[in-house]
C-alpha atoms as a PDB file:
ATOM      1  CA  MET A   1     120.419 122.702 142.806  1.00  0.00           C
ATOM      2  CA  ALA A   2     119.553 119.307 144.252  1.00  0.00           C
ATOM      3  CA  GLU A   3     121.257 116.236 142.837  1.00  0.00           C
ATOM      4  CA  ASN A   4     117.848 114.797 141.896  1.00  0.00           C
ATOM      5  CA  ASP A   5     117.488 117.651 139.413  1.00  0.00           C
ATOM      6  CA  LEU A   6     120.660 116.455 137.665  1.00  0.00           C
ATOM      7  CA  LYS A   7     119.790 112.787 137.042  1.00  0.00           C
ATOM      8  CA  SER A   8     120.295 113.444 133.335  1.00  0.00           C
ATOM      9  CA  TYR A   9     123.375 115.607 133.156  1.00  0.00           C
ATOM     10  CA  ALA A  10     126.019 116.215 130.512  1.00  0.00           C
ATOM     11  CA  VAL A  11     129.388 117.944 130.555  1.00  0.00           C
ATOM     12  CA  ILE A  12     131.001 119.353 127.432  1.00  0.00           C
ATOM     13  CA  SER A  13     134.669 120.228 127.287  1.00  0.00           C
ATOM     14  CA  LEU A  14     135.359 122.949 124.707  1.00  0.00           C
ATOM     15  CA  GLU A  15     139.098 122.627 124.169  1.00  0.00           C
ATOM     16  CA  SER A  16     141.011 124.413 121.446  1.00  0.00           C
ATOM     17  CA  GLU A  17     141.526 121.252 119.373  1.00  0.00           C
ATOM     18  CA  ARG A  18     138.758 118.900 120.519  1.00  0.00           C
ATOM     19  CA  PHE A  19     135.243 118.881 121.958  1.00  0.00           C
ATOM     20  CA  ALA A  20     134.399 116.077 124.394  1.00  0.00           C
ATOM     21  CA  VAL A  21     131.201 114.932 126.107  1.00  0.00           C
ATOM     22  CA  THR A  22     130.562 112.798 129.165  1.00  0.00           C
ATOM     23  CA  SER A  23     126.992 112.305 130.384  1.00  0.00           C
ATOM     24  CA  THR A  24     125.169 110.474 133.132  1.00  0.00           C
ATOM     25  CA  THR A  25     121.628 109.162 133.331  1.00  0.00           C
ATOM     26  CA  GLU A  26     120.072 107.669 136.459  1.00  0.00           C
ATOM     27  CA  GLY A  27     123.414 107.551 138.236  1.00  0.00           C
ATOM     28  CA  LYS A  28     125.327 105.803 135.445  1.00  0.00           C
ATOM     29  CA  ILE A  29     127.693 107.053 132.754  1.00  0.00           C
ATOM     30  CA  SER A  30     125.594 107.002 129.597  1.00  0.00           C
ATOM     31  CA  ALA A  31     127.939 108.454 126.964  1.00  0.00           C
ATOM     32  CA  MET A  32     131.579 109.365 126.393  1.00  0.00           C
ATOM     33  CA  GLU A  33     132.552 110.757 123.010  1.00  0.00           C
ATOM     34  CA  SER A  34     134.899 113.352 121.556  1.00  0.00           C
ATOM     35  CA  ARG A  35     135.443 115.029 118.211  1.00  0.00           C
ATOM     36  CA  GLU A  36     138.633 116.560 116.839  1.00  0.00           C
ATOM     37  CA  LEU A  37     138.206 120.053 115.433  1.00  0.00           C
ATOM     38  CA  VAL A  38     139.326 121.146 111.983  1.00  0.00           C
ATOM     39  CA  HIS A  39     139.751 124.749 113.151  1.00  0.00           C
ATOM     40  CA  ARG A  40     140.937 125.812 116.608  1.00  0.00           C
ATOM     41  CA  PHE A  41     138.321 126.941 119.113  1.00  0.00           C
ATOM     42  CA  GLY A  42     138.911 129.855 121.479  1.00  0.00           C
ATOM     43  CA  LEU A  43     138.247 133.518 122.094  1.00  0.00           C
ATOM     44  CA  ILE A  44     138.842 134.238 118.424  1.00  0.00           C
ATOM     45  CA  SER A  45     135.805 132.058 117.616  1.00  0.00           C
ATOM     46  CA  PHE A  46     133.511 134.718 119.103  1.00  0.00           C
ATOM     47  CA  GLN A  47     134.860 137.723 117.251  1.00  0.00           C
ATOM     48  CA  GLU A  48     132.427 139.451 114.926  1.00  0.00           C
ATOM     49  CA  ASP A  49     134.357 138.486 111.788  1.00  0.00           C
ATOM     50  CA  ALA A  50     134.995 134.896 112.929  1.00  0.00           C
ATOM     51  CA  ARG A  51     134.351 132.348 110.183  1.00  0.00           C
ATOM     52  CA  ASP A  52     134.738 129.121 112.124  1.00  0.00           C
ATOM     53  CA  LEU A  53     131.940 129.376 114.689  1.00  0.00           C
ATOM     54  CA  GLU A  54     129.464 127.632 112.403  1.00  0.00           C
ATOM     55  CA  VAL A  55     131.918 124.737 112.012  1.00  0.00           C
ATOM     56  CA  HIS A  56     132.257 124.525 115.797  1.00  0.00           C
ATOM     57  CA  ARG A  57     128.470 124.664 116.170  1.00  0.00           C
ATOM     58  CA  ASP A  58     128.116 121.740 113.735  1.00  0.00           C
ATOM     59  CA  ALA A  59     130.743 119.735 115.643  1.00  0.00           C
ATOM     60  CA  LEU A  60     128.852 120.270 118.889  1.00  0.00           C
ATOM     61  CA  ASP A  61     125.499 119.422 117.277  1.00  0.00           C
ATOM     62  CA  ASN A  62     126.948 116.136 115.979  1.00  0.00           C
ATOM     63  CA  LEU A  63     128.266 115.211 119.421  1.00  0.00           C
ATOM     64  CA  VAL A  64     124.925 116.019 121.067  1.00  0.00           C
ATOM     65  CA  ARG A  65     123.056 113.817 118.584  1.00  0.00           C
ATOM     66  CA  LYS A  66     125.559 110.961 118.842  1.00  0.00           C
ATOM     67  CA  CYS A  67     125.421 110.991 122.644  1.00  0.00           C
ATOM     68  CA  GLY A  68     121.661 111.439 122.813  1.00  0.00           C
ATOM     69  CA  ILE A  69     121.867 114.304 125.296  1.00  0.00           C
ATOM     70  CA  GLY A  70     119.450 116.780 123.713  1.00  0.00           C
ATOM     71  CA  GLY A  71     117.622 118.738 126.426  1.00  0.00           C
ATOM     72  CA  PHE A  72     120.079 117.748 129.189  1.00  0.00           C
ATOM     73  CA  LYS A  73     121.191 120.199 131.814  1.00  0.00           C
ATOM     74  CA  THR A  74     124.798 120.796 130.834  1.00  0.00           C
ATOM     75  CA  GLY A  75     128.041 121.893 132.402  1.00  0.00           C
ATOM     76  CA  VAL A  76     130.691 123.436 130.161  1.00  0.00           C
ATOM     77  CA  VAL A  77     134.448 123.252 130.695  1.00  0.00           C
ATOM     78  CA  ILE A  78     136.433 126.018 129.009  1.00  0.00           C
ATOM     79  CA  SER A  79     140.146 126.569 128.556  1.00  0.00           C
ATOM     80  CA  GLU A  80     141.911 128.747 131.118  1.00  0.00           C
ATOM     81  CA  ASP A  81     143.108 131.024 128.301  1.00  0.00           C
ATOM     82  CA  MET A  82     139.497 132.206 127.864  1.00  0.00           C
ATOM     83  CA  VAL A  83     139.514 133.827 131.327  1.00  0.00           C
ATOM     84  CA  LEU A  84     141.877 135.723 133.611  1.00  0.00           C
ATOM     85  CA  VAL A  85     142.944 133.833 136.736  1.00  0.00           C
ATOM     86  CA  LYS A  86     144.955 135.456 139.520  1.00  0.00           C
ATOM     87  CA  ARG A  87     145.902 134.407 143.042  1.00  0.00           C
ATOM     88  CA  ILE A  88     145.892 137.355 145.457  1.00  0.00           C
ATOM     89  CA  PRO A  89     146.975 137.683 149.123  1.00  0.00           C
ATOM     90  CA  VAL A  90     144.356 139.642 151.067  1.00  0.00           C
ATOM     91  CA  ALA A  91     144.606 141.155 154.551  1.00  0.00           C
ATOM     92  CA  LEU A  92     143.271 138.837 157.240  1.00  0.00           C
ATOM     93  CA  GLY A  93     139.934 139.632 158.859  1.00  0.00           C
ATOM     94  CA  LEU A  94     138.247 141.787 156.189  1.00  0.00           C
ATOM     95  CA  ASP A  95     134.462 141.784 156.316  1.00  0.00           C
ATOM     96  CA  GLU A  96     132.584 140.781 153.167  1.00  0.00           C
ATOM     97  CA  SER A  97     131.914 144.294 151.860  1.00  0.00           C
ATOM     98  CA  VAL A  98     135.533 145.405 152.304  1.00  0.00           C
ATOM     99  CA  LEU A  99     136.729 142.151 150.741  1.00  0.00           C
ATOM    100  CA  ASN A 100     134.479 142.722 147.730  1.00  0.00           C
ATOM    101  CA  ASP A 101     135.838 146.268 147.355  1.00  0.00           C
ATOM    102  CA  GLN A 102     139.367 144.872 147.518  1.00  0.00           C
ATOM    103  CA  MET A 103     138.609 142.369 144.758  1.00  0.00           C
ATOM    104  CA  GLU A 104     137.045 145.087 142.610  1.00  0.00           C
ATOM    105  CA  TRP A 105     140.206 147.166 143.049  1.00  0.00           C
ATOM    106  CA  GLU A 106     142.418 144.189 142.139  1.00  0.00           C
ATOM    107  CA  ALA A 107     140.316 143.596 139.010  1.00  0.00           C
ATOM    108  CA  ASP A 108     140.699 147.228 137.958  1.00  0.00           C
ATOM    109  CA  GLN A 109     144.494 146.912 138.234  1.00  0.00           C
ATOM    110  CA  LEU A 110     144.524 143.777 136.108  1.00  0.00           C
ATOM    111  CA  LEU A 111     142.173 144.832 133.305  1.00  0.00           C
ATOM    112  CA  LEU A 112     142.831 147.059 130.320  1.00  0.00           C
ATOM    113  CA  SER A 113     139.168 147.001 129.259  1.00  0.00           C
ATOM    114  CA  PRO A 114     136.314 148.462 131.369  1.00  0.00           C
ATOM    115  CA  ARG A 115     135.520 146.429 134.491  1.00  0.00           C
ATOM    116  CA  SER A 116     131.838 146.449 133.467  1.00  0.00           C
ATOM    117  CA  ASP A 117     132.709 144.185 130.518  1.00  0.00           C
ATOM    118  CA  PHE A 118     133.671 141.331 132.861  1.00  0.00           C
ATOM    119  CA  ARG A 119     132.039 138.935 135.301  1.00  0.00           C
ATOM    120  CA  LEU A 120     134.028 138.605 138.549  1.00  0.00           C
ATOM    121  CA  ALA A 121     134.143 135.571 140.848  1.00  0.00           C
ATOM    122  CA  TYR A 122     136.461 134.848 143.759  1.00  0.00           C
ATOM    123  CA  GLN A 123     136.986 132.348 146.555  1.00  0.00           C
ATOM    124  CA  ARG A 124     139.335 131.836 149.473  1.00  0.00           C
ATOM    125  CA  LEU A 125     142.081 129.235 149.121  1.00  0.00           C
ATOM    126  CA  PRO A 126     143.155 127.049 152.073  1.00  0.00           C
ATOM    127  CA  MET A 127     146.732 128.353 152.256  1.00  0.00           C
ATOM    128  CA  ASN A 128     148.202 131.635 153.513  1.00  0.00           C
ATOM    129  CA  SER A 129     151.024 133.860 152.293  1.00  0.00           C
ATOM    130  CA  SER A 130     154.381 134.028 154.083  1.00  0.00           C
ATOM    131  CA  THR A 131     153.017 136.993 156.086  1.00  0.00           C
ATOM    132  CA  GLY A 132     150.009 134.988 157.290  1.00  0.00           C
ATOM    133  CA  ASN A 133     147.424 136.601 155.030  1.00  0.00           C
ATOM    134  CA  PRO A 134     144.968 134.328 153.212  1.00  0.00           C
ATOM    135  CA  TYR A 135     145.151 133.804 149.463  1.00  0.00           C
ATOM    136  CA  TYR A 136     142.091 134.370 147.300  1.00  0.00           C
ATOM    137  CA  LEU A 137     141.550 133.155 143.771  1.00  0.00           C
ATOM    138  CA  MET A 138     140.040 135.693 141.380  1.00  0.00           C
ATOM    139  CA  ILE A 139     138.540 134.775 138.001  1.00  0.00           C
ATOM    140  CA  LEU A 140     137.442 137.313 135.396  1.00  0.00           C
ATOM    141  CA  MET A 141     135.437 136.387 132.309  1.00  0.00           C
ATOM    142  CA  ARG A 142     134.199 138.640 129.542  1.00  0.00           C
ATOM    143  CA  LYS A 143     130.410 138.941 129.585  1.00  0.00           C
ATOM    144  CA  GLN A 144     130.472 138.782 125.789  1.00  0.00           C
ATOM    145  CA  VAL A 145     132.139 135.363 125.967  1.00  0.00           C
ATOM    146  CA  LEU A 146     129.630 134.186 128.574  1.00  0.00           C
ATOM    147  CA  ARG A 147     126.726 135.201 126.317  1.00  0.00           C
ATOM    148  CA  ALA A 148     128.360 133.541 123.316  1.00  0.00           C
ATOM    149  CA  LEU A 149     128.962 130.282 125.210  1.00  0.00           C
ATOM    150  CA  ARG A 150     125.346 130.238 126.375  1.00  0.00           C
ATOM    151  CA  ALA A 151     124.140 130.799 122.810  1.00  0.00           C
ATOM    152  CA  LEU A 152     126.423 128.012 121.505  1.00  0.00           C
ATOM    153  CA  VAL A 153     125.182 125.516 124.092  1.00  0.00           C
ATOM    154  CA  GLU A 154     121.510 126.430 123.693  1.00  0.00           C
ATOM    155  CA  SER A 155     121.744 126.256 119.878  1.00  0.00           C
ATOM    156  CA  ALA A 156     122.658 122.574 120.346  1.00  0.00           C
ATOM    157  CA  GLY A 157     119.433 121.997 122.306  1.00  0.00           C
ATOM    158  CA  LEU A 158     121.071 121.934 125.737  1.00  0.00           C
ATOM    159  CA  GLU A 159     120.321 123.809 128.971  1.00  0.00           C
ATOM    160  CA  LEU A 160     123.379 125.563 130.388  1.00  0.00           C
ATOM    161  CA  HIS A 161     123.794 124.773 134.091  1.00  0.00           C
ATOM    162  CA  GLU A 162     127.337 125.934 134.901  1.00  0.00           C
ATOM    163  CA  ILE A 163     130.702 126.873 133.432  1.00  0.00           C
ATOM    164  CA  GLU A 164     134.031 125.816 134.920  1.00  0.00           C
ATOM    165  CA  VAL A 165     137.612 126.613 133.937  1.00  0.00           C
ATOM    166  CA  ASP A 166     139.531 123.490 132.898  1.00  0.00           C
ATOM    167  CA  ILE A 167     142.230 124.003 135.549  1.00  0.00           C
ATOM    168  CA  PHE A 168     139.741 123.083 138.250  1.00  0.00           C
ATOM    169  CA  SER A 169     138.108 120.244 136.308  1.00  0.00           C
ATOM    170  CA  HIS A 170     141.496 118.581 135.722  1.00  0.00           C
ATOM    171  CA  LEU A 171     142.377 119.165 139.360  1.00  0.00           C
ATOM    172  CA  ARG A 172     139.180 117.468 140.544  1.00  0.00           C
ATOM    173  CA  SER A 173     139.815 114.499 138.224  1.00  0.00           C
ATOM    174  CA  LEU A 174     143.185 114.078 139.908  1.00  0.00           C
ATOM    175  CA  GLN A 175     141.845 114.504 143.438  1.00  0.00           C
ATOM    176  CA  MET A 176     139.007 112.003 142.963  1.00  0.00           C
ATOM    177  CA  ASN A 177     141.137 109.303 141.324  1.00  0.00           C
ATOM    178  CA  TYR A 178     144.367 109.483 143.319  1.00  0.00           C
ATOM    179  CA  LEU A 179     145.305 109.642 146.992  1.00  0.00           C
ATOM    180  CA  ILE A 180     146.973 112.973 147.687  1.00  0.00           C
ATOM    181  CA  GLN A 181     148.323 113.764 151.136  1.00  0.00           C
ATOM    182  CA  LYS A 182     147.455 117.221 152.455  1.00  0.00           C
ATOM    183  CA  ASP A 183     151.086 118.220 153.072  1.00  0.00           C
ATOM    184  CA  ASP A 184     152.320 117.168 149.612  1.00  0.00           C
ATOM    185  CA  MET A 185     153.132 119.713 146.896  1.00  0.00           C
ATOM    186  CA  ILE A 186     151.887 118.076 143.691  1.00  0.00           C
ATOM    187  CA  THR A 187     152.205 119.248 140.098  1.00  0.00           C
ATOM    188  CA  LEU A 188     149.748 118.436 137.326  1.00  0.00           C
ATOM    189  CA  LEU A 189     151.232 119.110 133.892  1.00  0.00           C
ATOM    190  CA  ARG A 190     148.989 119.320 130.837  1.00  0.00           C
ATOM    191  CA  LEU A 191     150.817 118.946 127.515  1.00  0.00           C
ATOM    192  CA  HIS A 192     149.083 119.807 124.252  1.00  0.00           C
ATOM    193  CA  SER A 193     150.075 120.675 120.689  1.00  0.00           C
ATOM    194  CA  SER A 194     150.802 124.349 121.378  1.00  0.00           C
ATOM    195  CA  GLY A 195     152.367 124.324 124.835  1.00  0.00           C
ATOM    196  CA  MET A 196     152.038 123.304 128.450  1.00  0.00           C
ATOM    197  CA  LEU A 197     150.081 124.212 131.561  1.00  0.00           C
ATOM    198  CA  PHE A 198     151.513 123.696 135.051  1.00  0.00           C
ATOM    199  CA  ILE A 199     149.015 123.374 137.927  1.00  0.00           C
ATOM    200  CA  PHE A 200     150.486 123.270 141.434  1.00  0.00           C
ATOM    201  CA  ILE A 201     148.479 121.709 144.265  1.00  0.00           C
ATOM    202  CA  SER A 202     149.069 122.427 147.938  1.00  0.00           C
ATOM    203  CA  GLN A 203     146.940 121.267 150.891  1.00  0.00           C
ATOM    204  CA  ASN A 204     145.060 119.219 148.301  1.00  0.00           C
ATOM    205  CA  ASP A 205     143.771 122.342 146.563  1.00  0.00           C
ATOM    206  CA  TYR A 206     144.726 124.769 143.798  1.00  0.00           C
ATOM    207  CA  TYR A 207     147.862 126.769 144.602  1.00  0.00           C
ATOM    208  CA  LEU A 208     148.908 128.351 141.305  1.00  0.00           C
ATOM    209  CA  SER A 209     148.986 127.724 137.570  1.00  0.00           C
ATOM    210  CA  HIS A 210     151.212 128.851 134.729  1.00  0.00           C
ATOM    211  CA  ARG A 211     150.762 128.463 130.970  1.00  0.00           C
ATOM    212  CA  ILE A 212     153.589 128.463 128.448  1.00  0.00           C
ATOM    213  CA  ASP A 213     152.791 128.727 124.741  1.00  0.00           C
ATOM    214  CA  VAL A 214     155.265 126.941 122.478  1.00  0.00           C
ATOM    215  CA  PRO A 215     154.558 126.816 118.705  1.00  0.00           C
ATOM    216  CA  LYS A 216     154.772 123.279 117.288  1.00  0.00           C
ATOM    217  CA  PHE A 217     155.340 121.967 120.803  1.00  0.00           C
ATOM    218  CA  ASP A 218     154.139 118.472 119.858  1.00  0.00           C
ATOM    219  CA  GLN A 219     156.691 118.258 117.033  1.00  0.00           C
ATOM    220  CA  MET A 220     159.723 118.687 119.282  1.00  0.00           C
ATOM    221  CA  GLU A 221     162.012 115.805 120.167  1.00  0.00           C
ATOM    222  CA  SER A 222     161.292 114.134 123.520  1.00  0.00           C
ATOM    223  CA  ALA A 223     164.721 115.054 124.940  1.00  0.00           C
ATOM    224  CA  ASP A 224     164.186 118.733 124.077  1.00  0.00           C
ATOM    225  CA  LEU A 225     160.674 118.680 125.558  1.00  0.00           C
ATOM    226  CA  VAL A 226     161.867 117.158 128.814  1.00  0.00           C
ATOM    227  CA  SER A 227     164.701 119.676 129.027  1.00  0.00           C
ATOM    228  CA  MET A 228     162.180 122.508 128.612  1.00  0.00           C
ATOM    229  CA  ILE A 229     159.843 121.005 131.207  1.00  0.00           C
ATOM    230  CA  LYS A 230     162.681 120.653 133.732  1.00  0.00           C
ATOM    231  CA  LYS A 231     163.812 124.221 133.119  1.00  0.00           C
ATOM    232  CA  GLU A 232     160.316 125.631 133.638  1.00  0.00           C
ATOM    233  CA  LEU A 233     159.661 123.453 136.682  1.00  0.00           C
ATOM    234  CA  ARG A 234     162.886 124.602 138.304  1.00  0.00           C
ATOM    235  CA  ARG A 235     162.096 128.252 137.531  1.00  0.00           C
ATOM    236  CA  LEU A 236     158.557 128.011 138.935  1.00  0.00           C
ATOM    237  CA  VAL A 237     159.604 126.136 142.079  1.00  0.00           C
ATOM    238  CA  PHE A 238     162.333 128.661 142.860  1.00  0.00           C
ATOM    239  CA  GLY A 239     160.441 131.777 141.731  1.00  0.00           C
ATOM    240  CA  HIS A 240     157.321 130.985 143.758  1.00  0.00           C
ATOM    241  CA  ARG A 241     159.238 129.670 146.777  1.00  0.00           C
ATOM    242  CA  LEU A 242     157.783 126.186 146.468  1.00  0.00           C
ATOM    243  CA  GLY A 243     161.128 124.708 147.445  1.00  0.00           C
ATOM    244  CA  LYS A 244     164.810 124.849 146.602  1.00  0.00           C
ATOM    245  CA  ASP A 245     164.581 122.632 143.522  1.00  0.00           C
ATOM    246  CA  ILE A 246     162.371 120.182 141.643  1.00  0.00           C
ATOM    247  CA  GLY A 247     163.179 117.475 144.180  1.00  0.00           C
ATOM    248  CA  ASP A 248     161.080 119.301 146.774  1.00  0.00           C
ATOM    249  CA  LEU A 249     157.934 118.456 144.790  1.00  0.00           C
ATOM    250  CA  LYS A 250     156.277 115.188 145.794  1.00  0.00           C
ATOM    251  CA  LYS A 251     155.029 114.027 142.406  1.00  0.00           C
ATOM    252  CA  LEU A 252     154.378 115.088 138.822  1.00  0.00           C
ATOM    253  CA  TYR A 253     151.195 113.896 137.080  1.00  0.00           C
ATOM    254  CA  VAL A 254     150.953 114.378 133.308  1.00  0.00           C
ATOM    255  CA  ILE A 255     147.974 114.552 130.950  1.00  0.00           C
ATOM    256  CA  GLY A 256     147.246 115.931 127.485  1.00  0.00           C
ATOM    257  CA  SER A 257     147.341 115.057 123.806  1.00  0.00           C
ATOM    258  CA  ALA A 258     151.133 115.485 123.648  1.00  0.00           C
ATOM    259  CA  ALA A 259     151.781 113.231 126.660  1.00  0.00           C
ATOM    260  CA  ASN A 260     152.707 110.099 124.692  1.00  0.00           C
ATOM    261  CA  ASP A 261     154.240 107.027 126.312  1.00  0.00           C
ATOM    262  CA  GLY A 262     157.710 107.743 124.930  1.00  0.00           C
ATOM    263  CA  LEU A 263     157.738 111.225 126.427  1.00  0.00           C
ATOM    264  CA  ILE A 264     156.474 109.931 129.776  1.00  0.00           C
ATOM    265  CA  GLN A 265     159.267 107.359 129.858  1.00  0.00           C
ATOM    266  CA  GLN A 266     161.847 110.045 129.074  1.00  0.00           C
ATOM    267  CA  MET A 267     160.449 112.220 131.862  1.00  0.00           C
ATOM    268  CA  LYS A 268     160.661 109.342 134.326  1.00  0.00           C
ATOM    269  CA  SER A 269     164.333 108.912 133.436  1.00  0.00           C
ATOM    270  CA  ASP A 270     165.348 112.582 133.490  1.00  0.00           C
ATOM    271  CA  ILE A 271     163.167 114.299 136.113  1.00  0.00           C
ATOM    272  CA  PRO A 272     164.220 113.605 139.728  1.00  0.00           C
ATOM    273  CA  ILE A 273     160.726 113.030 141.167  1.00  0.00           C
ATOM    274  CA  SER A 274     158.004 110.451 140.625  1.00  0.00           C
ATOM    275  CA  VAL A 275     156.265 110.951 137.256  1.00  0.00           C
ATOM    276  CA  GLU A 276     152.955 109.322 136.321  1.00  0.00           C
ATOM    277  CA  LYS A 277     150.532 109.703 133.438  1.00  0.00           C
ATOM    278  CA  MET A 278     147.179 110.595 134.980  1.00  0.00           C
ATOM    279  CA  ASN A 279     144.150 108.487 134.134  1.00  0.00           C
ATOM    280  CA  PRO A 280     140.965 110.489 134.903  1.00  0.00           C
ATOM    281  CA  LEU A 281     138.918 107.289 134.556  1.00  0.00           C
ATOM    282  CA  LYS A 282     141.003 105.233 136.996  1.00  0.00           C
ATOM    283  CA  LYS A 283     138.261 104.906 139.630  1.00  0.00           C
ATOM    284  CA  LEU A 284     135.274 105.890 137.531  1.00  0.00           C
ATOM    285  CA  SER A 285     132.417 103.410 137.575  1.00  0.00           C
ATOM    286  CA  LEU A 286     131.753 102.433 133.935  1.00  0.00           C
ATOM    287  CA  GLU A 287     129.365  99.931 132.419  1.00  0.00           C
ATOM    288  CA  SER A 288     131.140  97.113 130.538  1.00  0.00           C
ATOM    289  CA  ASP A 289     130.286  98.407 127.057  1.00  0.00           C
ATOM    290  CA  MET A 290     131.547 101.899 127.931  1.00  0.00           C
ATOM    291  CA  ALA A 291     134.718 100.531 129.498  1.00  0.00           C
ATOM    292  CA  GLN A 292     135.482  98.633 126.276  1.00  0.00           C
ATOM    293  CA  SER A 293     135.119 101.667 124.015  1.00  0.00           C
ATOM    294  CA  GLN A 294     138.309 102.039 122.001  1.00  0.00           C
ATOM    295  CA  GLU A 295     138.474 105.789 122.633  1.00  0.00           C
ATOM    296  CA  VAL A 296     137.980 105.312 126.372  1.00  0.00           C
ATOM    297  CA  LEU A 297     140.623 102.568 126.480  1.00  0.00           C
ATOM    298  CA  LYS A 298     143.244 104.323 124.356  1.00  0.00           C
ATOM    299  CA  PHE A 299     142.668 108.009 125.144  1.00  0.00           C
ATOM    300  CA  PRO A 300     141.174 108.411 128.644  1.00  0.00           C
ATOM    301  CA  GLU A 301     142.921 111.798 129.002  1.00  0.00           C
ATOM    302  CA  ARG A 302     140.473 113.273 126.490  1.00  0.00           C
ATOM    303  CA  PHE A 303     137.815 113.119 129.195  1.00  0.00           C
ATOM    304  CA  SER A 304     139.728 114.636 132.102  1.00  0.00           C
ATOM    305  CA  GLY A 305     137.831 117.927 131.879  1.00  0.00           C
ATOM    306  CA  THR A 306     134.367 116.445 131.429  1.00  0.00           C
ATOM    307  CA  VAL A 307     134.846 113.842 134.158  1.00  0.00           C
ATOM    308  CA  GLY A 308     136.216 116.451 136.557  1.00  0.00           C
ATOM    309  CA  LEU A 309     133.131 118.650 136.334  1.00  0.00           C
ATOM    310  CA  LEU A 310     130.782 115.649 136.263  1.00  0.00           C
ATOM    311  CA  LEU A 311     132.233 114.428 139.579  1.00  0.00           C
ATOM    312  CA  LYS A 312     131.494 117.792 141.160  1.00  0.00           C
ATOM    313  CA  ASN A 313     127.792 116.954 140.956  1.00  0.00           C
ATOM    314  CA  HIS A 314     128.011 113.135 140.915  1.00  0.00           C
ATOM    315  CA  PRO A 315     130.866 112.038 143.236  1.00  0.00           C
ATOM    316  CA  GLN A 316     129.132 108.667 143.699  1.00  0.00           C
ATOM    317  CA  LEU A 317     130.445 107.696 140.226  1.00  0.00           C
ATOM    318  CA  ILE A 318     133.826 107.001 141.824  1.00  0.00           C
ATOM    319  CA  ARG A 319     134.285 103.397 142.936  1.00  0.00           C
ATOM    320  CA  GLY A 320     135.138 102.904 146.587  1.00  0.00           C
END
């Protein structure tokens, strides 16, 4: 779709604990708002006996009205735990039909439910395996969830344009706001109330991701959190042959609701690589009134997902 068709465009991030909206009109950011949820949002929200979907629908309706985005074409960012994501090495030189058959076979091995219940998408990644075969990224999403997301968005008076998994939205926010050298192995760590998500970046693109669920994660002491992060980093680096130890990573960027300043400072002291809290709005062109919004000033990380997908269609919003 041509960019001119997206002059009025909104992105909604449907996170487990918070919905967020960022929109653009005539090439300028027109709204940035978020709303904390009383009940967690996720796959459970779409079960037949779910009781909270109406509450989530009301929260989204309120955000749409507050931001004035009714009728906008809309992108939706969903949590990676709502889909299956797998990186797969594939034999070099397969033609498209054989490649598609290979991906269908890989999906069958991964799924416990019928393959017909899922939508499959895949793309080639820029790096190769140790044997020289290219890696492909496969994403599987339940068709039931896709229908439910479409119904949720359309019930709020919006037109669904695309859906993206938050891993890639956060990754794009990082890529567009920070200078990353192609040969650097970078880690983006998202910390939230129930755990952490590691995203590794190689050749300035997705390499792998790993989620760890930790109950009451945000209530742990900073020293214990940092110790856990170091342990998992070391295990992932060694287990996936990213290096010999954490020191072989170039940099660690951190985002998320649990990434408070005290924890960041502790990480800088205890982790033997450069650590920085990522600001997804660092280079974003904002009007003065938007830039002075208290939520934007104090909690820019809330908009990492929405900004990441917005920049996919409107890269000109980045200064310089």
